[in-house]
N, C-alpha and C. Protein backbone atom coordinates (compact mmCIF):
# COMPACT_ATOMS: atom_id res chain seq x y z
N MET A 1 0.84 -1.17 0.00
CA MET A 1 0.00 0.00 0.00
C MET A 1 0.89 1.24 0.00
N ILE A 2 0.61 2.13 -0.89
CA ILE A 2 1.38 3.37 -1.01
C ILE A 2 0.58 4.50 -0.38
N GLU A 3 1.23 5.22 0.52
CA GLU A 3 0.59 6.36 1.15
C GLU A 3 1.19 7.63 0.60
N THR A 4 0.37 8.57 0.27
CA THR A 4 0.85 9.87 -0.16
C THR A 4 0.35 10.90 0.83
N HIS A 5 1.18 11.84 1.12
CA HIS A 5 0.83 12.89 2.07
C HIS A 5 0.89 14.23 1.37
N GLN A 6 -0.13 15.02 1.56
CA GLN A 6 -0.15 16.35 1.01
C GLN A 6 0.06 17.34 2.14
N ALA A 7 0.64 18.46 1.79
CA ALA A 7 0.81 19.52 2.78
C ALA A 7 -0.57 20.04 3.18
N ALA A 8 -0.74 20.32 4.44
CA ALA A 8 -2.02 20.83 4.93
C ALA A 8 -2.25 22.24 4.40
N SER A 9 -3.48 22.51 4.07
CA SER A 9 -3.82 23.85 3.58
C SER A 9 -3.73 24.84 4.74
N PRO A 10 -3.58 26.12 4.44
CA PRO A 10 -3.53 27.12 5.52
C PRO A 10 -4.78 27.09 6.40
N GLU A 11 -5.94 26.81 5.81
CA GLU A 11 -7.17 26.75 6.59
C GLU A 11 -7.14 25.57 7.56
N THR A 12 -6.61 24.43 7.09
CA THR A 12 -6.51 23.25 7.94
C THR A 12 -5.58 23.51 9.12
N VAL A 13 -4.47 24.19 8.85
CA VAL A 13 -3.51 24.51 9.92
C VAL A 13 -4.17 25.43 10.94
N GLN A 14 -4.92 26.43 10.48
CA GLN A 14 -5.60 27.34 11.40
C GLN A 14 -6.63 26.62 12.26
N ILE A 15 -7.38 25.72 11.63
CA ILE A 15 -8.39 24.95 12.37
C ILE A 15 -7.72 24.08 13.43
N GLN A 16 -6.64 23.41 13.04
CA GLN A 16 -5.92 22.54 13.99
C GLN A 16 -5.37 23.36 15.15
N MET A 17 -4.80 24.52 14.87
CA MET A 17 -4.26 25.37 15.93
C MET A 17 -5.36 25.86 16.86
N ALA A 18 -6.53 26.20 16.30
CA ALA A 18 -7.64 26.66 17.12
C ALA A 18 -8.15 25.54 18.04
N LEU A 19 -8.25 24.32 17.49
CA LEU A 19 -8.69 23.19 18.30
C LEU A 19 -7.69 22.87 19.41
N GLN A 20 -6.40 22.88 19.08
CA GLN A 20 -5.39 22.61 20.10
C GLN A 20 -5.41 23.67 21.19
N GLY A 21 -5.62 24.92 20.82
CA GLY A 21 -5.71 26.00 21.81
C GLY A 21 -6.91 25.82 22.72
N ALA A 22 -8.05 25.42 22.13
CA ALA A 22 -9.25 25.21 22.93
C ALA A 22 -9.07 24.07 23.92
N VAL A 23 -8.45 22.99 23.48
CA VAL A 23 -8.20 21.85 24.37
C VAL A 23 -7.23 22.25 25.48
N ARG A 24 -6.18 22.99 25.12
CA ARG A 24 -5.20 23.43 26.12
C ARG A 24 -5.87 24.29 27.18
N LYS A 25 -6.73 25.25 26.75
CA LYS A 25 -7.44 26.10 27.71
C LYS A 25 -8.35 25.29 28.63
N CYS A 26 -9.04 24.32 28.05
CA CYS A 26 -9.93 23.47 28.84
C CYS A 26 -9.15 22.68 29.88
N LEU A 27 -8.03 22.09 29.48
CA LEU A 27 -7.23 21.31 30.43
C LEU A 27 -6.62 22.19 31.51
N GLU A 28 -6.18 23.40 31.14
CA GLU A 28 -5.64 24.32 32.15
C GLU A 28 -6.72 24.71 33.16
N ARG A 29 -7.93 24.95 32.67
CA ARG A 29 -9.03 25.30 33.57
C ARG A 29 -9.34 24.14 34.52
N LYS A 30 -9.39 22.93 33.98
CA LYS A 30 -9.65 21.75 34.82
C LYS A 30 -8.55 21.60 35.87
N GLN A 31 -7.31 21.88 35.49
CA GLN A 31 -6.20 21.77 36.44
C GLN A 31 -6.36 22.80 37.56
N ARG A 32 -6.71 24.03 37.21
CA ARG A 32 -6.91 25.07 38.23
C ARG A 32 -8.04 24.70 39.19
N LEU A 33 -9.06 24.02 38.67
CA LEU A 33 -10.20 23.61 39.49
C LEU A 33 -9.96 22.27 40.20
N ASP A 34 -8.76 21.71 40.02
CA ASP A 34 -8.38 20.43 40.62
C ASP A 34 -9.33 19.32 40.16
N GLN A 35 -9.63 19.31 38.86
CA GLN A 35 -10.46 18.27 38.27
C GLN A 35 -9.60 17.34 37.43
N TYR A 36 -10.18 16.25 36.99
CA TYR A 36 -9.48 15.32 36.10
C TYR A 36 -10.07 15.43 34.71
N ALA A 37 -9.40 14.83 33.74
CA ALA A 37 -9.90 14.80 32.37
C ALA A 37 -9.93 13.35 31.91
N VAL A 38 -10.84 13.05 31.01
CA VAL A 38 -10.91 11.72 30.43
C VAL A 38 -10.41 11.84 28.99
N ILE A 39 -9.42 11.02 28.66
CA ILE A 39 -8.85 11.04 27.31
C ILE A 39 -8.96 9.66 26.69
N TRP A 40 -8.76 9.58 25.40
CA TRP A 40 -8.77 8.31 24.69
C TRP A 40 -7.32 7.89 24.49
N LYS A 41 -6.93 6.74 25.04
CA LYS A 41 -5.54 6.27 24.94
C LYS A 41 -5.53 4.76 24.81
N ASP A 42 -4.75 4.25 23.90
CA ASP A 42 -4.62 2.81 23.68
C ASP A 42 -5.97 2.15 23.41
N GLY A 43 -6.82 2.84 22.67
CA GLY A 43 -8.10 2.26 22.28
C GLY A 43 -9.16 2.23 23.34
N ARG A 44 -8.98 2.97 24.44
CA ARG A 44 -9.99 3.00 25.48
C ARG A 44 -9.91 4.31 26.26
N PRO A 45 -10.99 4.71 26.90
CA PRO A 45 -10.95 5.94 27.69
C PRO A 45 -10.13 5.75 28.97
N GLN A 46 -9.39 6.78 29.32
CA GLN A 46 -8.59 6.74 30.54
C GLN A 46 -8.69 8.07 31.26
N CYS A 47 -8.60 7.99 32.56
CA CYS A 47 -8.64 9.18 33.41
C CYS A 47 -7.25 9.80 33.43
N LEU A 48 -7.17 11.09 33.18
CA LEU A 48 -5.89 11.80 33.16
C LEU A 48 -5.82 12.70 34.38
N ALA A 49 -4.84 12.46 35.23
CA ALA A 49 -4.64 13.31 36.40
C ALA A 49 -3.98 14.60 35.95
N LEU A 50 -4.49 15.72 36.42
CA LEU A 50 -3.95 17.00 36.00
C LEU A 50 -3.11 17.65 37.09
N ASN A 51 -2.68 16.86 38.04
CA ASN A 51 -1.78 17.35 39.08
C ASN A 51 -0.42 16.71 38.83
N PRO A 52 0.36 17.26 37.89
CA PRO A 52 1.59 16.58 37.50
C PRO A 52 2.63 16.49 38.60
N THR A 53 2.62 17.40 39.54
CA THR A 53 3.65 17.37 40.56
C THR A 53 3.52 16.12 41.44
N GLU A 54 2.30 15.78 41.82
CA GLU A 54 2.10 14.59 42.64
C GLU A 54 2.44 13.33 41.86
N LEU A 55 1.97 13.26 40.62
CA LEU A 55 2.22 12.09 39.79
C LEU A 55 3.71 11.96 39.48
N ASP A 56 4.37 13.07 39.18
CA ASP A 56 5.80 13.03 38.91
C ASP A 56 6.59 12.58 40.14
N GLY A 57 6.16 13.04 41.31
CA GLY A 57 6.83 12.62 42.54
C GLY A 57 6.69 11.12 42.78
N LEU A 58 5.50 10.59 42.54
CA LEU A 58 5.29 9.16 42.70
C LEU A 58 6.10 8.35 41.69
N ARG A 59 6.18 8.84 40.47
CA ARG A 59 6.98 8.14 39.45
C ARG A 59 8.46 8.14 39.84
N SER A 60 8.94 9.26 40.36
CA SER A 60 10.34 9.33 40.80
C SER A 60 10.62 8.36 41.93
N GLU A 61 9.69 8.32 42.89
CA GLU A 61 9.87 7.40 44.01
C GLU A 61 9.83 5.95 43.54
N ARG A 62 8.95 5.65 42.59
CA ARG A 62 8.88 4.29 42.04
C ARG A 62 10.20 3.91 41.37
N THR A 63 10.76 4.82 40.57
CA THR A 63 12.04 4.55 39.91
C THR A 63 13.14 4.33 40.93
N PHE A 64 13.16 5.15 41.98
CA PHE A 64 14.16 5.00 43.03
C PHE A 64 14.06 3.62 43.69
N LEU A 65 12.84 3.23 44.06
CA LEU A 65 12.65 1.93 44.72
C LEU A 65 13.02 0.78 43.80
N GLN A 66 12.67 0.89 42.52
CA GLN A 66 13.02 -0.17 41.58
C GLN A 66 14.53 -0.32 41.47
N ARG A 67 15.25 0.78 41.45
CA ARG A 67 16.72 0.72 41.39
C ARG A 67 17.30 0.16 42.67
N GLN A 68 16.73 0.55 43.80
CA GLN A 68 17.21 0.03 45.08
C GLN A 68 17.00 -1.48 45.15
N LEU A 69 15.85 -1.94 44.72
CA LEU A 69 15.56 -3.37 44.75
C LEU A 69 16.50 -4.15 43.83
N ALA A 70 16.86 -3.55 42.71
CA ALA A 70 17.77 -4.23 41.78
C ALA A 70 19.16 -4.40 42.38
N LYS A 71 19.58 -3.46 43.23
CA LYS A 71 20.91 -3.52 43.85
C LYS A 71 20.92 -4.30 45.16
N LEU A 72 19.77 -4.52 45.73
CA LEU A 72 19.67 -5.12 47.06
C LEU A 72 19.99 -6.62 47.02
N PRO A 73 20.86 -7.09 47.90
CA PRO A 73 21.15 -8.52 47.91
C PRO A 73 19.95 -9.33 48.39
N GLU A 74 19.86 -10.54 47.93
CA GLU A 74 18.74 -11.42 48.29
C GLU A 74 18.70 -11.70 49.80
N THR A 75 19.83 -11.59 50.46
CA THR A 75 19.89 -11.89 51.90
C THR A 75 19.22 -10.80 52.74
N ALA A 76 18.99 -9.63 52.17
CA ALA A 76 18.35 -8.54 52.90
C ALA A 76 16.84 -8.65 52.74
N SER A 77 16.29 -9.74 53.25
CA SER A 77 14.88 -10.05 52.99
C SER A 77 13.91 -9.06 53.63
N LEU A 78 14.19 -8.58 54.84
CA LEU A 78 13.28 -7.63 55.48
C LEU A 78 13.24 -6.30 54.74
N THR A 79 14.40 -5.82 54.34
CA THR A 79 14.45 -4.58 53.57
C THR A 79 13.76 -4.76 52.23
N ARG A 80 13.99 -5.90 51.59
CA ARG A 80 13.36 -6.19 50.30
C ARG A 80 11.83 -6.21 50.44
N MET A 81 11.33 -6.87 51.47
CA MET A 81 9.88 -6.95 51.67
C MET A 81 9.29 -5.56 51.91
N SER A 82 9.99 -4.75 52.69
CA SER A 82 9.53 -3.40 52.98
C SER A 82 9.50 -2.55 51.71
N ASP A 83 10.57 -2.61 50.93
CA ASP A 83 10.63 -1.83 49.69
C ASP A 83 9.59 -2.31 48.68
N GLU A 84 9.38 -3.61 48.59
CA GLU A 84 8.38 -4.14 47.66
C GLU A 84 6.97 -3.71 48.07
N ALA A 85 6.71 -3.69 49.37
CA ALA A 85 5.39 -3.25 49.86
C ALA A 85 5.18 -1.78 49.52
N ARG A 86 6.20 -0.97 49.76
CA ARG A 86 6.11 0.46 49.43
C ARG A 86 5.91 0.65 47.93
N LEU A 87 6.60 -0.13 47.12
CA LEU A 87 6.49 -0.04 45.67
C LEU A 87 5.06 -0.37 45.22
N ARG A 88 4.45 -1.38 45.83
CA ARG A 88 3.06 -1.73 45.48
C ARG A 88 2.10 -0.57 45.80
N VAL A 89 2.31 0.08 46.93
CA VAL A 89 1.46 1.21 47.32
C VAL A 89 1.61 2.35 46.31
N ILE A 90 2.84 2.64 45.94
CA ILE A 90 3.10 3.73 45.00
C ILE A 90 2.50 3.42 43.64
N GLU A 91 2.65 2.18 43.17
CA GLU A 91 2.08 1.81 41.87
C GLU A 91 0.56 1.91 41.88
N ALA A 92 -0.06 1.57 43.00
CA ALA A 92 -1.52 1.71 43.11
C ALA A 92 -1.93 3.18 43.05
N LYS A 93 -1.17 4.04 43.72
CA LYS A 93 -1.48 5.47 43.70
C LYS A 93 -1.31 6.03 42.29
N ILE A 94 -0.28 5.58 41.58
CA ILE A 94 -0.06 6.04 40.21
C ILE A 94 -1.25 5.63 39.33
N ARG A 95 -1.70 4.39 39.48
CA ARG A 95 -2.87 3.93 38.71
C ARG A 95 -4.10 4.75 39.06
N ASP A 96 -4.29 5.06 40.35
CA ASP A 96 -5.46 5.85 40.78
C ASP A 96 -5.44 7.26 40.20
N LEU A 97 -4.24 7.78 40.00
CA LEU A 97 -4.12 9.13 39.45
C LEU A 97 -4.16 9.15 37.92
N GLY A 98 -4.32 7.99 37.33
CA GLY A 98 -4.42 7.93 35.88
C GLY A 98 -3.10 7.74 35.17
N GLY A 99 -2.05 7.42 35.92
CA GLY A 99 -0.76 7.13 35.30
C GLY A 99 -0.78 5.75 34.67
N GLU A 100 0.32 5.35 34.12
CA GLU A 100 0.37 4.08 33.40
C GLU A 100 0.03 2.88 34.22
């Protein structure tokens, strides 16, 4: 199958820019009101958390714990169990906030 692409007309570019601006304004307003947004991702609707600082912090903590667990010797079973439990809690919070 051969696909050909044409350059977008100036009207199409203006329409696309207007739609993107409207969506951006709507998402910014929802963020100020501490609301969530529903988006279409991977073929299904998903809840999008608009509080990136909390979600980013949880992702950072998850990455840290995953790296710690990778370096931790198998003999440190209590520390491993504690870190794995904390990791499960963080992953649940990320899912609740609409993260991956």
